[in-house]
Amino acid sequence: MIQSFLLFSLIFPPPGNHLTNPCEALNKFYLDWRKITVQSLEQRAHNTTDSLKRNTYLNRINAVSIVTQKEGPLTIDTLALRYLLLKDHFTNIISSKGDVFIIEIKTMASTIIFTDLIVYKGVNHVAKVDALRFNGKKWVVIKNFTCDTNFLLENLSNYFFEDGSGINFDETMITKVSKGKLTMSEYYITKSLSSKCGLQNIFDHIGLYYYKN
């Protein structure tokens, strides 16, 4: 459990001395994203009957909980992986007229691999996908492609499987943004993401593995 906590802390590191406040709108989005993530994890921990899974969710909550300040401006960790992602893609995400999905994937290999997908649902049933990978210093685009938009059409919680029959090899977080506003976020531990999500084709494009049912 301690190892899981530390690994997830890499994605959402606690505030430190390197904090700054460069952009109010971006900062608010970043903090709201952390808040909606915590709420999702709290709900998942409350609903599960598996004590091991509950502890996993609680560890994630501890890693992403927001410490607010009663006095002075709220500080932002500008070196967090999410913040670095938003720094380059925030304008596109909030200005999109359609839904945007941010899919965060953590692959446990010989080293930890962080992959983020930004999916912009467009017109004519076509979506644009920006696939990025963190190289230790910044997010690097590894592929841009288009795909059919027939995926993630329902509430994200409908794609969660408690019984371990899901398709995902890796820990996955999916966040939905509608017209520039965060609407929901769902965390999927290994084998908890339903095949009904329709993401297999996207995973295939970037060489991610999944369990084929």
Protein backbone atom coordinates (compact mmCIF):
# COMPACT_ATOMS: atom_id res chain seq x y z
CA MET A 1 0.00 0.00 0.00
CA ILE A 2 2.85 2.37 0.78
CA GLN A 3 4.31 1.71 -2.67
CA SER A 4 0.96 2.43 -4.33
CA PHE A 5 0.66 5.66 -2.41
CA LEU A 6 4.12 6.81 -3.47
CA LEU A 7 3.54 5.92 -7.11
CA PHE A 8 0.30 7.84 -7.29
CA SER A 9 1.96 10.76 -5.54
CA LEU A 10 4.20 11.08 -8.58
CA ILE A 11 1.13 12.07 -10.56
CA PHE A 12 -0.27 14.36 -7.91
CA PRO A 13 2.69 15.53 -5.78
CA PRO A 14 1.93 17.61 -2.67
CA PRO A 15 2.61 21.35 -2.67
CA GLY A 16 6.26 22.32 -2.26
CA ASN A 17 8.60 25.28 -2.43
CA HIS A 18 8.49 25.46 -6.22
CA LEU A 19 4.91 26.75 -6.32
CA THR A 20 3.64 29.71 -8.27
CA ASN A 21 0.42 31.20 -9.61
CA PRO A 22 0.87 31.98 -13.32
CA CYS A 23 -2.70 31.66 -14.60
CA GLU A 24 -5.88 32.00 -12.56
CA ALA A 25 -8.13 30.11 -14.98
CA LEU A 26 -5.70 27.24 -15.43
CA ASN A 27 -5.10 27.05 -11.69
CA LYS A 28 -8.81 26.89 -10.93
CA PHE A 29 -9.28 24.12 -13.49
CA TYR A 30 -6.35 22.20 -12.01
CA LEU A 31 -7.70 22.45 -8.46
CA ASP A 32 -11.23 21.57 -9.58
CA TRP A 33 -9.80 18.54 -11.38
CA ARG A 34 -8.12 17.38 -8.19
CA LYS A 35 -11.33 17.96 -6.24
CA ILE A 36 -13.53 15.98 -8.64
CA THR A 37 -10.96 13.17 -8.58
CA VAL A 38 -11.11 12.97 -4.79
CA GLN A 39 -14.92 12.92 -4.84
CA SER A 40 -14.90 10.05 -7.33
CA LEU A 41 -12.44 8.05 -5.24
CA GLU A 42 -14.45 8.67 -2.07
CA GLN A 43 -17.59 7.36 -3.76
CA ARG A 44 -15.75 4.31 -5.05
CA ALA A 45 -14.26 3.56 -1.61
CA HIS A 46 -17.70 3.90 -0.04
CA ASN A 47 -19.36 1.54 -2.52
CA THR A 48 -16.84 -1.32 -2.62
CA THR A 49 -17.19 -4.37 -0.38
CA ASP A 50 -13.58 -5.42 -1.01
CA SER A 51 -11.32 -4.20 1.82
CA LEU A 52 -8.18 -4.37 -0.35
CA LYS A 53 -9.78 -2.22 -3.04
CA ARG A 54 -11.12 0.17 -0.41
CA ASN A 55 -7.61 0.68 0.96
CA THR A 56 -6.36 1.28 -2.57
CA TYR A 57 -8.94 4.03 -3.10
CA LEU A 58 -8.23 5.55 0.30
CA ASN A 59 -4.52 5.68 -0.51
CA ARG A 60 -5.33 7.52 -3.73
CA ILE A 61 -7.51 9.96 -1.81
CA ASN A 62 -4.68 10.70 0.61
CA ALA A 63 -2.39 11.34 -2.34
CA VAL A 64 -4.65 13.84 -4.10
CA SER A 65 -6.42 15.59 -1.22
CA ILE A 66 -6.30 19.36 -1.47
CA VAL A 67 -4.89 21.40 1.41
CA THR A 68 -6.61 24.76 1.33
CA GLN A 69 -5.24 28.01 2.74
CA LYS A 70 -7.40 30.33 4.82
CA GLU A 71 -5.15 33.31 4.21
CA GLY A 72 -3.25 34.43 1.16
CA PRO A 73 -3.48 33.14 -2.43
CA LEU A 74 -3.93 29.43 -3.06
CA THR A 75 -0.64 28.00 -4.30
CA ILE A 76 -0.36 25.62 -7.23
CA ASP A 77 2.20 22.90 -7.86
CA THR A 78 3.40 23.73 -11.36
CA LEU A 79 5.53 20.58 -11.57
CA ALA A 80 2.64 18.13 -11.14
CA LEU A 81 2.08 15.91 -14.19
CA ARG A 82 -1.48 17.16 -14.62
CA TYR A 83 -0.41 20.77 -14.42
CA LEU A 84 2.32 20.24 -17.00
CA LEU A 85 -0.26 18.67 -19.31
CA LEU A 86 -2.68 21.56 -18.88
CA LYS A 87 0.05 24.09 -19.46
CA ASP A 88 0.30 23.05 -23.11
CA HIS A 89 -3.29 21.95 -23.80
CA PHE A 90 -5.52 24.01 -21.50
CA THR A 91 -6.74 26.41 -24.20
CA ASN A 92 -7.79 23.62 -26.55
CA ILE A 93 -9.52 21.69 -23.78
CA ILE A 94 -11.66 24.54 -22.47
CA SER A 95 -12.42 26.10 -25.87
CA SER A 96 -13.72 22.90 -27.44
CA LYS A 97 -17.42 23.12 -28.33
CA GLY A 98 -17.85 19.37 -27.86
CA ASP A 99 -16.97 16.94 -25.11
CA VAL A 100 -13.33 16.36 -24.27
CA PHE A 101 -12.06 13.24 -22.50
CA ILE A 102 -8.72 13.14 -20.72
CA ILE A 103 -7.57 9.55 -20.25
CA GLU A 104 -4.66 9.03 -17.85
CA ILE A 105 -2.93 5.64 -17.93
CA LYS A 106 -0.17 4.43 -15.63
CA THR A 107 1.67 1.36 -16.93
CA MET A 108 3.75 -0.70 -14.50
CA ALA A 109 6.70 -2.03 -16.51
CA SER A 110 10.43 -2.10 -15.74
CA THR A 111 9.83 1.63 -15.21
CA ILE A 112 6.56 3.47 -14.65
CA ILE A 113 5.12 4.76 -17.92
CA PHE A 114 2.62 7.62 -17.89
CA THR A 115 0.44 7.97 -20.99
CA ASP A 116 -2.26 10.62 -21.43
CA LEU A 117 -4.85 10.75 -24.19
CA ILE A 118 -6.81 13.90 -24.95
CA VAL A 119 -9.86 13.01 -27.00
CA TYR A 120 -11.82 15.80 -28.67
CA LYS A 121 -15.23 14.69 -29.85
CA GLY A 122 -15.96 16.52 -33.09
CA VAL A 123 -18.55 16.67 -35.83
CA ASN A 124 -19.41 13.98 -38.38
CA HIS A 125 -18.86 11.25 -35.77
CA VAL A 126 -15.11 11.78 -35.82
CA ALA A 127 -12.88 12.46 -32.81
CA LYS A 128 -9.35 13.82 -32.70
CA VAL A 129 -6.92 12.09 -30.34
CA ASP A 130 -3.66 13.53 -28.99
CA ALA A 131 -1.57 10.77 -27.40
CA LEU A 132 1.20 11.95 -25.08
CA ARG A 133 3.83 10.32 -22.92
CA PHE A 134 5.78 11.80 -20.03
CA ASN A 135 9.54 11.58 -20.60
CA GLY A 136 10.55 12.54 -17.07
CA LYS A 137 10.58 16.25 -17.76
CA LYS A 138 7.64 17.06 -20.00
CA TRP A 139 4.77 15.60 -21.98
CA VAL A 140 5.73 14.60 -25.52
CA VAL A 141 3.22 13.91 -28.31
CA ILE A 142 3.71 10.34 -29.53
CA LYS A 143 0.79 10.23 -31.96
CA ASN A 144 -2.10 12.26 -33.36
CA PHE A 145 -4.96 10.46 -35.06
CA THR A 146 -8.71 10.44 -35.63
CA CYS A 147 -11.25 7.78 -34.73
CA ASP A 148 -14.96 7.06 -34.59
CA THR A 149 -16.73 8.85 -31.72
CA ASN A 150 -18.82 5.84 -30.74
CA PHE A 151 -17.38 5.57 -27.23
CA LEU A 152 -17.91 6.95 -23.73
CA LEU A 153 -21.47 7.97 -24.45
CA GLU A 154 -22.85 7.33 -20.96
CA ASN A 155 -22.05 8.27 -17.38
CA LEU A 156 -18.44 7.18 -16.80
CA SER A 157 -19.44 5.17 -13.71
CA ASN A 158 -21.44 2.86 -15.99
CA TYR A 159 -18.15 1.54 -17.36
CA PHE A 160 -16.90 0.33 -13.97
CA PHE A 161 -16.80 -3.42 -13.20
CA GLU A 162 -16.47 -4.37 -9.54
CA ASP A 163 -16.00 -8.08 -10.30
CA GLY A 164 -12.63 -7.76 -12.04
CA SER A 165 -13.84 -8.67 -15.53
CA GLY A 166 -12.75 -5.40 -17.15
CA ILE A 167 -10.36 -4.90 -20.05
CA ASN A 168 -7.66 -2.63 -18.66
CA PHE A 169 -4.21 -3.95 -17.77
CA ASP A 170 -3.25 -0.59 -16.31
CA GLU A 171 -4.63 1.88 -13.79
CA THR A 172 -6.79 4.31 -15.73
CA MET A 173 -8.45 7.63 -14.91
CA ILE A 174 -11.00 9.13 -17.31
CA THR A 175 -12.19 12.72 -16.92
CA LYS A 176 -14.94 14.32 -18.96
CA VAL A 177 -14.97 18.02 -19.83
CA SER A 178 -18.10 19.51 -21.44
CA LYS A 179 -17.94 22.99 -22.95
CA GLY A 180 -14.90 23.84 -20.87
CA LYS A 181 -16.38 22.57 -17.59
CA LEU A 182 -15.32 19.49 -15.65
CA THR A 183 -18.33 17.21 -15.35
CA MET A 184 -17.09 13.87 -14.01
CA SER A 185 -14.04 11.75 -13.37
CA GLU A 186 -13.74 8.00 -12.82
CA TYR A 187 -10.81 5.91 -11.63
CA TYR A 188 -10.46 2.32 -12.83
CA ILE A 189 -8.12 -0.07 -11.06
CA THR A 190 -6.79 -3.02 -13.08
CA LYS A 191 -9.52 -5.06 -14.81
CA SER A 192 -12.37 -2.73 -13.83
CA LEU A 193 -12.96 -0.86 -17.14
CA SER A 194 -15.83 -2.29 -19.19
CA SER A 195 -15.29 -3.18 -22.85
CA LYS A 196 -18.46 -1.19 -23.55
CA CYS A 197 -16.40 1.99 -23.21
CA GLY A 198 -15.35 1.47 -26.84
CA LEU A 199 -11.73 2.53 -26.24
CA GLN A 200 -10.06 -0.61 -27.62
CA ASN A 201 -9.40 0.95 -31.03
CA ILE A 202 -7.76 3.96 -29.41
CA PHE A 203 -5.62 1.68 -27.24
CA ASP A 204 -4.59 -0.26 -30.34
CA HIS A 205 -3.41 2.92 -32.05
CA ILE A 206 -0.79 3.58 -29.38
CA GLY A 207 0.11 0.01 -28.53
CA LEU A 208 -1.62 -0.23 -25.14
CA TYR A 209 -2.61 -3.68 -23.98
CA TYR A 210 -6.02 -4.75 -22.71
CA TYR A 211 -7.87 -7.94 -21.92
CA LYS A 212 -9.95 -9.05 -24.89
CA ASN A 213 -13.23 -10.54 -23.70
